[in-house]
Amino acid sequence: MTKLLTYFLLISFLSCNNKVQDEVKTDENHKKAPELNIAESDSLNLTELLADNPFELNISSKNLTEFPDLSSYEIHSLNVSNNKIKSIPQTKLPKKLRTLIANNNGITNFKLSNSIDALEKIDLSNNELDTFYVYKGSNKIILNNNNLVYVKFFGNNINYLDISNNPNLNNVVDFFPRGIDTILRNNILNKKPLYDFLQGKDGVIIIKD
């Protein structure tokens, strides 16, 4: 009888111990939630997110590590701010996108060729950009708090440009500052006026005042 009682007590103890260990593992898994990837996560249902407004998508603060493929959607306004995105491939952008908010990520460069229509607003502030190249300029471009060394865009419809806090960005730039209504440029490489340059036929850089 004593042996049988001891056996049951031992089984009970082991069962309780396993339960405590399972609870600890569950708690640790809860604290260390894996990074979400839109291709893997069931919690980001694009169809559901676009149900109320098919032209506007807000997937900010979703812990995304990759930019989702939105090329088949007709989204006009997209917010992917406060994630961990490193790049935004042009091939994944919605074809008729007008506003792109992608601040507070880890984006290192941004390039849009002439195959995409001009965006009306681009906000890439607080990233790790060293290069920004857009074939067609936007009305509003926000690039403050990056590591920019090169900025280039075309177009004369730009109303607002913020390139502040890019300490490696020179005042000789590859766009036309005189055509922009408002430019914020505090804390760039020097305090000289912004100049645009054109490449001459003989390889001579022509600086225009």
C-alpha atoms as a PDB file:
ATOM      1  CA  MET A   1       0.000   0.000   0.000  1.00  0.00           C
ATOM      2  CA  THR A   2       2.863   2.353   0.898  1.00  0.00           C
ATOM      3  CA  LYS A   3       4.621   1.664  -2.423  1.00  0.00           C
ATOM      4  CA  LEU A   4       1.404   2.301  -4.349  1.00  0.00           C
ATOM      5  CA  LEU A   5       0.820   5.615  -2.548  1.00  0.00           C
ATOM      6  CA  THR A   6       4.420   6.667  -3.233  1.00  0.00           C
ATOM      7  CA  TYR A   7       3.950   5.844  -6.934  1.00  0.00           C
ATOM      8  CA  PHE A   8       0.831   8.012  -7.242  1.00  0.00           C
ATOM      9  CA  LEU A   9       2.508  10.889  -5.398  1.00  0.00           C
ATOM     10  CA  LEU A  10       5.483  10.693  -7.774  1.00  0.00           C
ATOM     11  CA  ILE A  11       3.226  10.724 -10.864  1.00  0.00           C
ATOM     12  CA  SER A  12       1.316  13.706  -9.486  1.00  0.00           C
ATOM     13  CA  PHE A  13       4.550  15.613  -8.825  1.00  0.00           C
ATOM     14  CA  LEU A  14       5.902  14.992 -12.316  1.00  0.00           C
ATOM     15  CA  SER A  15       2.609  16.063 -13.883  1.00  0.00           C
ATOM     16  CA  CYS A  16       2.567  19.330 -11.941  1.00  0.00           C
ATOM     17  CA  ASN A  17       6.219  19.993 -12.827  1.00  0.00           C
ATOM     18  CA  ASN A  18       5.563  19.504 -16.552  1.00  0.00           C
ATOM     19  CA  LYS A  19       2.596  21.852 -16.357  1.00  0.00           C
ATOM     20  CA  VAL A  20       4.716  24.579 -14.735  1.00  0.00           C
ATOM     21  CA  GLN A  21       7.399  24.148 -17.424  1.00  0.00           C
ATOM     22  CA  ASP A  22       4.777  24.389 -20.180  1.00  0.00           C
ATOM     23  CA  GLU A  23       3.424  27.600 -18.616  1.00  0.00           C
ATOM     24  CA  VAL A  24       6.938  29.079 -18.452  1.00  0.00           C
ATOM     25  CA  LYS A  25       7.565  28.203 -22.129  1.00  0.00           C
ATOM     26  CA  THR A  26       4.220  29.714 -23.116  1.00  0.00           C
ATOM     27  CA  ASP A  27       5.054  32.888 -21.221  1.00  0.00           C
ATOM     28  CA  GLU A  28       8.492  33.089 -22.872  1.00  0.00           C
ATOM     29  CA  ASN A  29       6.966  32.596 -26.323  1.00  0.00           C
ATOM     30  CA  HIS A  30       4.491  35.356 -25.567  1.00  0.00           C
ATOM     31  CA  LYS A  31       7.279  37.748 -24.574  1.00  0.00           C
ATOM     32  CA  LYS A  32       9.389  36.879 -27.619  1.00  0.00           C
ATOM     33  CA  ALA A  33       6.765  37.180 -30.347  1.00  0.00           C
ATOM     34  CA  PRO A  34       8.288  36.452 -33.778  1.00  0.00           C
ATOM     35  CA  GLU A  35       8.615  39.272 -36.282  1.00  0.00           C
ATOM     36  CA  LEU A  36       5.635  39.436 -38.569  1.00  0.00           C
ATOM     37  CA  ASN A  37       6.045  38.992 -42.274  1.00  0.00           C
ATOM     38  CA  ILE A  38       3.054  39.921 -44.377  1.00  0.00           C
ATOM     39  CA  ALA A  39       3.580  36.846 -46.539  1.00  0.00           C
ATOM     40  CA  GLU A  40       3.450  34.571 -43.498  1.00  0.00           C
ATOM     41  CA  SER A  41       1.029  36.276 -41.152  1.00  0.00           C
ATOM     42  CA  ASP A  42      -2.677  35.487 -41.113  1.00  0.00           C
ATOM     43  CA  SER A  43      -3.338  38.610 -39.051  1.00  0.00           C
ATOM     44  CA  LEU A  44      -2.790  40.903 -42.059  1.00  0.00           C
ATOM     45  CA  ASN A  45      -5.655  40.205 -44.404  1.00  0.00           C
ATOM     46  CA  LEU A  46      -5.403  42.812 -47.149  1.00  0.00           C
ATOM     47  CA  THR A  47      -8.900  42.133 -48.423  1.00  0.00           C
ATOM     48  CA  GLU A  48     -10.300  42.794 -44.971  1.00  0.00           C
ATOM     49  CA  LEU A  49      -8.119  45.858 -44.384  1.00  0.00           C
ATOM     50  CA  LEU A  50      -9.258  47.377 -47.682  1.00  0.00           C
ATOM     51  CA  ALA A  51     -12.936  46.528 -47.190  1.00  0.00           C
ATOM     52  CA  ASP A  52     -13.982  49.943 -45.851  1.00  0.00           C
ATOM     53  CA  ASN A  53     -11.807  51.973 -48.206  1.00  0.00           C
ATOM     54  CA  PRO A  54     -10.217  50.086 -51.135  1.00  0.00           C
ATOM     55  CA  PHE A  55      -8.031  53.082 -52.025  1.00  0.00           C
ATOM     56  CA  GLU A  56      -6.374  53.573 -48.623  1.00  0.00           C
ATOM     57  CA  LEU A  57      -4.227  51.072 -46.720  1.00  0.00           C
ATOM     58  CA  ASN A  58      -2.670  51.577 -43.296  1.00  0.00           C
ATOM     59  CA  ILE A  59      -0.327  48.805 -42.196  1.00  0.00           C
ATOM     60  CA  SER A  60       1.849  50.903 -39.918  1.00  0.00           C
ATOM     61  CA  SER A  61       3.311  49.460 -36.701  1.00  0.00           C
ATOM     62  CA  LYS A  62       2.848  45.829 -37.799  1.00  0.00           C
ATOM     63  CA  ASN A  63       6.475  44.809 -37.217  1.00  0.00           C
ATOM     64  CA  LEU A  64       6.861  44.086 -40.936  1.00  0.00           C
ATOM     65  CA  THR A  65      10.314  43.148 -42.157  1.00  0.00           C
ATOM     66  CA  GLU A  66       9.475  43.081 -45.887  1.00  0.00           C
ATOM     67  CA  PHE A  67       7.454  45.362 -48.107  1.00  0.00           C
ATOM     68  CA  PRO A  68       4.288  43.531 -49.279  1.00  0.00           C
ATOM     69  CA  ASP A  69       3.537  42.997 -52.947  1.00  0.00           C
ATOM     70  CA  LEU A  70       0.717  45.469 -53.625  1.00  0.00           C
ATOM     71  CA  SER A  71       1.180  45.698 -57.377  1.00  0.00           C
ATOM     72  CA  SER A  72      -2.238  44.170 -58.100  1.00  0.00           C
ATOM     73  CA  TYR A  73      -4.115  46.646 -55.890  1.00  0.00           C
ATOM     74  CA  GLU A  74      -5.397  50.105 -56.780  1.00  0.00           C
ATOM     75  CA  ILE A  75      -4.295  51.854 -53.618  1.00  0.00           C
ATOM     76  CA  HIS A  76      -3.957  55.642 -53.673  1.00  0.00           C
ATOM     77  CA  SER A  77      -2.695  56.201 -50.124  1.00  0.00           C
ATOM     78  CA  LEU A  78      -0.334  53.789 -48.347  1.00  0.00           C
ATOM     79  CA  ASN A  79       1.065  54.007 -44.817  1.00  0.00           C
ATOM     80  CA  VAL A  80       3.809  51.522 -43.852  1.00  0.00           C
ATOM     81  CA  SER A  81       5.461  53.655 -41.181  1.00  0.00           C
ATOM     82  CA  ASN A  82       6.957  52.338 -37.942  1.00  0.00           C
ATOM     83  CA  ASN A  83       7.988  48.939 -39.281  1.00  0.00           C
ATOM     84  CA  LYS A  84      11.357  47.270 -40.008  1.00  0.00           C
ATOM     85  CA  ILE A  85      11.314  47.468 -43.791  1.00  0.00           C
ATOM     86  CA  LYS A  86      14.728  47.747 -45.465  1.00  0.00           C
ATOM     87  CA  SER A  87      13.684  48.410 -49.067  1.00  0.00           C
ATOM     88  CA  ILE A  88      10.657  49.296 -51.198  1.00  0.00           C
ATOM     89  CA  PRO A  89      10.905  47.616 -54.612  1.00  0.00           C
ATOM     90  CA  GLN A  90       9.197  49.616 -57.328  1.00  0.00           C
ATOM     91  CA  THR A  91       7.657  46.424 -58.729  1.00  0.00           C
ATOM     92  CA  LYS A  92       5.678  45.923 -55.520  1.00  0.00           C
ATOM     93  CA  LEU A  93       4.112  49.392 -55.413  1.00  0.00           C
ATOM     94  CA  PRO A  94       0.461  49.949 -56.363  1.00  0.00           C
ATOM     95  CA  LYS A  95       0.281  51.270 -59.903  1.00  0.00           C
ATOM     96  CA  LYS A  96      -1.851  54.334 -59.039  1.00  0.00           C
ATOM     97  CA  LEU A  97      -0.274  55.238 -55.712  1.00  0.00           C
ATOM     98  CA  ARG A  98      -0.401  58.932 -54.852  1.00  0.00           C
ATOM     99  CA  THR A  99       0.750  59.096 -51.209  1.00  0.00           C
ATOM    100  CA  LEU A 100       3.478  56.981 -49.649  1.00  0.00           C
ATOM    101  CA  ILE A 101       4.175  57.254 -45.916  1.00  0.00           C
ATOM    102  CA  ALA A 102       7.123  55.069 -44.924  1.00  0.00           C
ATOM    103  CA  ASN A 103       8.833  56.962 -42.123  1.00  0.00           C
ATOM    104  CA  ASN A 104      10.543  55.220 -39.200  1.00  0.00           C
ATOM    105  CA  ASN A 105      11.793  52.117 -40.970  1.00  0.00           C
ATOM    106  CA  GLY A 106      15.300  51.023 -42.007  1.00  0.00           C
ATOM    107  CA  ILE A 107      15.143  51.910 -45.714  1.00  0.00           C
ATOM    108  CA  THR A 108      18.611  52.494 -47.192  1.00  0.00           C
ATOM    109  CA  ASN A 109      17.783  53.740 -50.701  1.00  0.00           C
ATOM    110  CA  PHE A 110      14.721  54.668 -52.717  1.00  0.00           C
ATOM    111  CA  LYS A 111      14.477  54.734 -56.518  1.00  0.00           C
ATOM    112  CA  LEU A 112      11.536  55.192 -58.865  1.00  0.00           C
ATOM    113  CA  SER A 113      12.074  55.131 -62.611  1.00  0.00           C
ATOM    114  CA  ASN A 114       9.956  56.790 -65.299  1.00  0.00           C
ATOM    115  CA  SER A 115       7.687  53.736 -65.554  1.00  0.00           C
ATOM    116  CA  ILE A 116       5.611  54.841 -62.561  1.00  0.00           C
ATOM    117  CA  ASP A 117       3.374  57.895 -62.309  1.00  0.00           C
ATOM    118  CA  ALA A 118       4.447  60.706 -60.015  1.00  0.00           C
ATOM    119  CA  LEU A 119       3.486  60.422 -56.369  1.00  0.00           C
ATOM    120  CA  GLU A 120       1.918  63.499 -54.826  1.00  0.00           C
ATOM    121  CA  LYS A 121       3.558  62.950 -51.435  1.00  0.00           C
ATOM    122  CA  ILE A 122       6.544  60.887 -50.273  1.00  0.00           C
ATOM    123  CA  ASP A 123       7.504  60.716 -46.597  1.00  0.00           C
ATOM    124  CA  LEU A 124      10.696  58.734 -45.942  1.00  0.00           C
ATOM    125  CA  SER A 125      11.839  60.594 -42.854  1.00  0.00           C
ATOM    126  CA  ASN A 126      13.718  58.811 -40.071  1.00  0.00           C
ATOM    127  CA  ASN A 127      15.170  56.016 -42.169  1.00  0.00           C
ATOM    128  CA  GLU A 128      18.723  55.110 -43.224  1.00  0.00           C
ATOM    129  CA  LEU A 129      18.583  56.560 -46.740  1.00  0.00           C
ATOM    130  CA  ASP A 130      21.813  57.399 -48.505  1.00  0.00           C
ATOM    131  CA  THR A 131      20.278  57.684 -52.000  1.00  0.00           C
ATOM    132  CA  PHE A 132      16.967  59.108 -53.191  1.00  0.00           C
ATOM    133  CA  TYR A 133      16.159  59.086 -56.897  1.00  0.00           C
ATOM    134  CA  VAL A 134      12.723  59.753 -58.341  1.00  0.00           C
ATOM    135  CA  TYR A 135      12.290  60.328 -62.055  1.00  0.00           C
ATOM    136  CA  LYS A 136       9.143  62.420 -61.603  1.00  0.00           C
ATOM    137  CA  GLY A 137       9.029  64.875 -58.723  1.00  0.00           C
ATOM    138  CA  SER A 138       6.231  65.002 -56.156  1.00  0.00           C
ATOM    139  CA  ASN A 139       4.381  67.934 -54.645  1.00  0.00           C
ATOM    140  CA  LYS A 140       5.744  67.121 -51.185  1.00  0.00           C
ATOM    141  CA  ILE A 141       8.949  65.210 -50.385  1.00  0.00           C
ATOM    142  CA  ILE A 142      10.025  64.623 -46.781  1.00  0.00           C
ATOM    143  CA  LEU A 143      13.515  63.159 -46.300  1.00  0.00           C
ATOM    144  CA  ASN A 144      14.686  64.567 -42.978  1.00  0.00           C
ATOM    145  CA  ASN A 145      16.747  62.536 -40.493  1.00  0.00           C
ATOM    146  CA  ASN A 146      18.524  60.190 -42.895  1.00  0.00           C
ATOM    147  CA  ASN A 147      22.085  59.613 -44.145  1.00  0.00           C
ATOM    148  CA  LEU A 148      21.601  61.122 -47.590  1.00  0.00           C
ATOM    149  CA  VAL A 149      24.558  61.838 -49.841  1.00  0.00           C
ATOM    150  CA  TYR A 150      22.623  61.957 -53.125  1.00  0.00           C
ATOM    151  CA  VAL A 151      19.189  63.319 -54.007  1.00  0.00           C
ATOM    152  CA  LYS A 152      17.811  63.572 -57.521  1.00  0.00           C
ATOM    153  CA  PHE A 153      14.370  64.186 -58.957  1.00  0.00           C
ATOM    154  CA  PHE A 154      12.824  65.992 -61.910  1.00  0.00           C
ATOM    155  CA  GLY A 155       9.745  68.147 -62.248  1.00  0.00           C
ATOM    156  CA  ASN A 156       8.769  71.704 -61.422  1.00  0.00           C
ATOM    157  CA  ASN A 157       5.606  70.977 -59.446  1.00  0.00           C
ATOM    158  CA  ILE A 158       7.341  70.500 -56.078  1.00  0.00           C
ATOM    159  CA  ASN A 159       5.919  72.721 -53.339  1.00  0.00           C
ATOM    160  CA  TYR A 160       7.674  71.348 -50.258  1.00  0.00           C
ATOM    161  CA  LEU A 161      11.016  69.622 -49.629  1.00  0.00           C
ATOM    162  CA  ASP A 162      12.529  68.679 -46.278  1.00  0.00           C
ATOM    163  CA  ILE A 163      16.152  67.471 -46.369  1.00  0.00           C
ATOM    164  CA  SER A 164      17.011  68.533 -42.817  1.00  0.00           C
ATOM    165  CA  ASN A 165      19.395  66.548 -40.627  1.00  0.00           C
ATOM    166  CA  ASN A 166      21.332  64.877 -43.427  1.00  0.00           C
ATOM    167  CA  PRO A 167      24.846  65.901 -42.362  1.00  0.00           C
ATOM    168  CA  ASN A 168      26.541  64.241 -45.356  1.00  0.00           C
ATOM    169  CA  LEU A 169      24.412  65.969 -47.993  1.00  0.00           C
ATOM    170  CA  ASN A 170      26.241  68.654 -49.949  1.00  0.00           C
ATOM    171  CA  ASN A 171      24.708  71.981 -50.927  1.00  0.00           C
ATOM    172  CA  VAL A 172      25.427  71.197 -54.616  1.00  0.00           C
ATOM    173  CA  VAL A 173      22.423  69.081 -55.520  1.00  0.00           C
ATOM    174  CA  ASP A 174      20.996  67.260 -58.513  1.00  0.00           C
ATOM    175  CA  PHE A 175      17.628  68.996 -58.634  1.00  0.00           C
ATOM    176  CA  PHE A 176      16.385  72.551 -59.157  1.00  0.00           C
ATOM    177  CA  PRO A 177      15.897  74.240 -55.763  1.00  0.00           C
ATOM    178  CA  ARG A 178      14.736  77.529 -57.277  1.00  0.00           C
ATOM    179  CA  GLY A 179      11.533  75.889 -58.466  1.00  0.00           C
ATOM    180  CA  ILE A 180      10.526  74.718 -54.971  1.00  0.00           C
ATOM    181  CA  ASP A 181       8.346  76.934 -52.802  1.00  0.00           C
ATOM    182  CA  THR A 182       9.517  75.676 -49.376  1.00  0.00           C
ATOM    183  CA  ILE A 183      12.819  73.962 -48.570  1.00  0.00           C
ATOM    184  CA  LEU A 184      13.888  72.879 -45.091  1.00  0.00           C
ATOM    185  CA  ARG A 185      17.624  72.135 -45.074  1.00  0.00           C
ATOM    186  CA  ASN A 186      18.961  72.578 -41.520  1.00  0.00           C
ATOM    187  CA  ASN A 187      22.015  70.498 -40.609  1.00  0.00           C
ATOM    188  CA  ILE A 188      23.327  69.438 -43.991  1.00  0.00           C
ATOM    189  CA  LEU A 189      27.026  69.403 -44.869  1.00  0.00           C
ATOM    190  CA  ASN A 190      27.352  73.189 -45.033  1.00  0.00           C
ATOM    191  CA  LYS A 191      25.240  76.289 -44.736  1.00  0.00           C
ATOM    192  CA  LYS A 192      25.856  77.588 -48.252  1.00  0.00           C
ATOM    193  CA  PRO A 193      22.888  78.180 -50.581  1.00  0.00           C
ATOM    194  CA  LEU A 194      21.693  75.175 -52.548  1.00  0.00           C
ATOM    195  CA  TYR A 195      22.965  74.976 -56.120  1.00  0.00           C
ATOM    196  CA  ASP A 196      21.885  72.689 -58.908  1.00  0.00           C
ATOM    197  CA  PHE A 197      24.453  71.412 -61.354  1.00  0.00           C
ATOM    198  CA  LEU A 198      24.260  70.317 -64.978  1.00  0.00           C
ATOM    199  CA  GLN A 199      26.774  68.180 -66.791  1.00  0.00           C
ATOM    200  CA  GLY A 200      28.285  70.099 -69.695  1.00  0.00           C
ATOM    201  CA  LYS A 201      29.096  68.565 -73.089  1.00  0.00           C
ATOM    202  CA  ASP A 202      32.834  68.612 -72.323  1.00  0.00           C
ATOM    203  CA  GLY A 203      32.385  67.014 -68.912  1.00  0.00           C
ATOM    204  CA  VAL A 204      32.503  70.384 -67.153  1.00  0.00           C
ATOM    205  CA  ILE A 205      30.116  70.851 -64.265  1.00  0.00           C
ATOM    206  CA  ILE A 206      28.163  74.066 -64.682  1.00  0.00           C
ATOM    207  CA  ILE A 207      26.999  75.544 -61.368  1.00  0.00           C
ATOM    208  CA  LYS A 208      23.937  77.743 -61.710  1.00  0.00           C
ATOM    209  CA  ASP A 209      23.214  80.456 -59.185  1.00  0.00           C
END
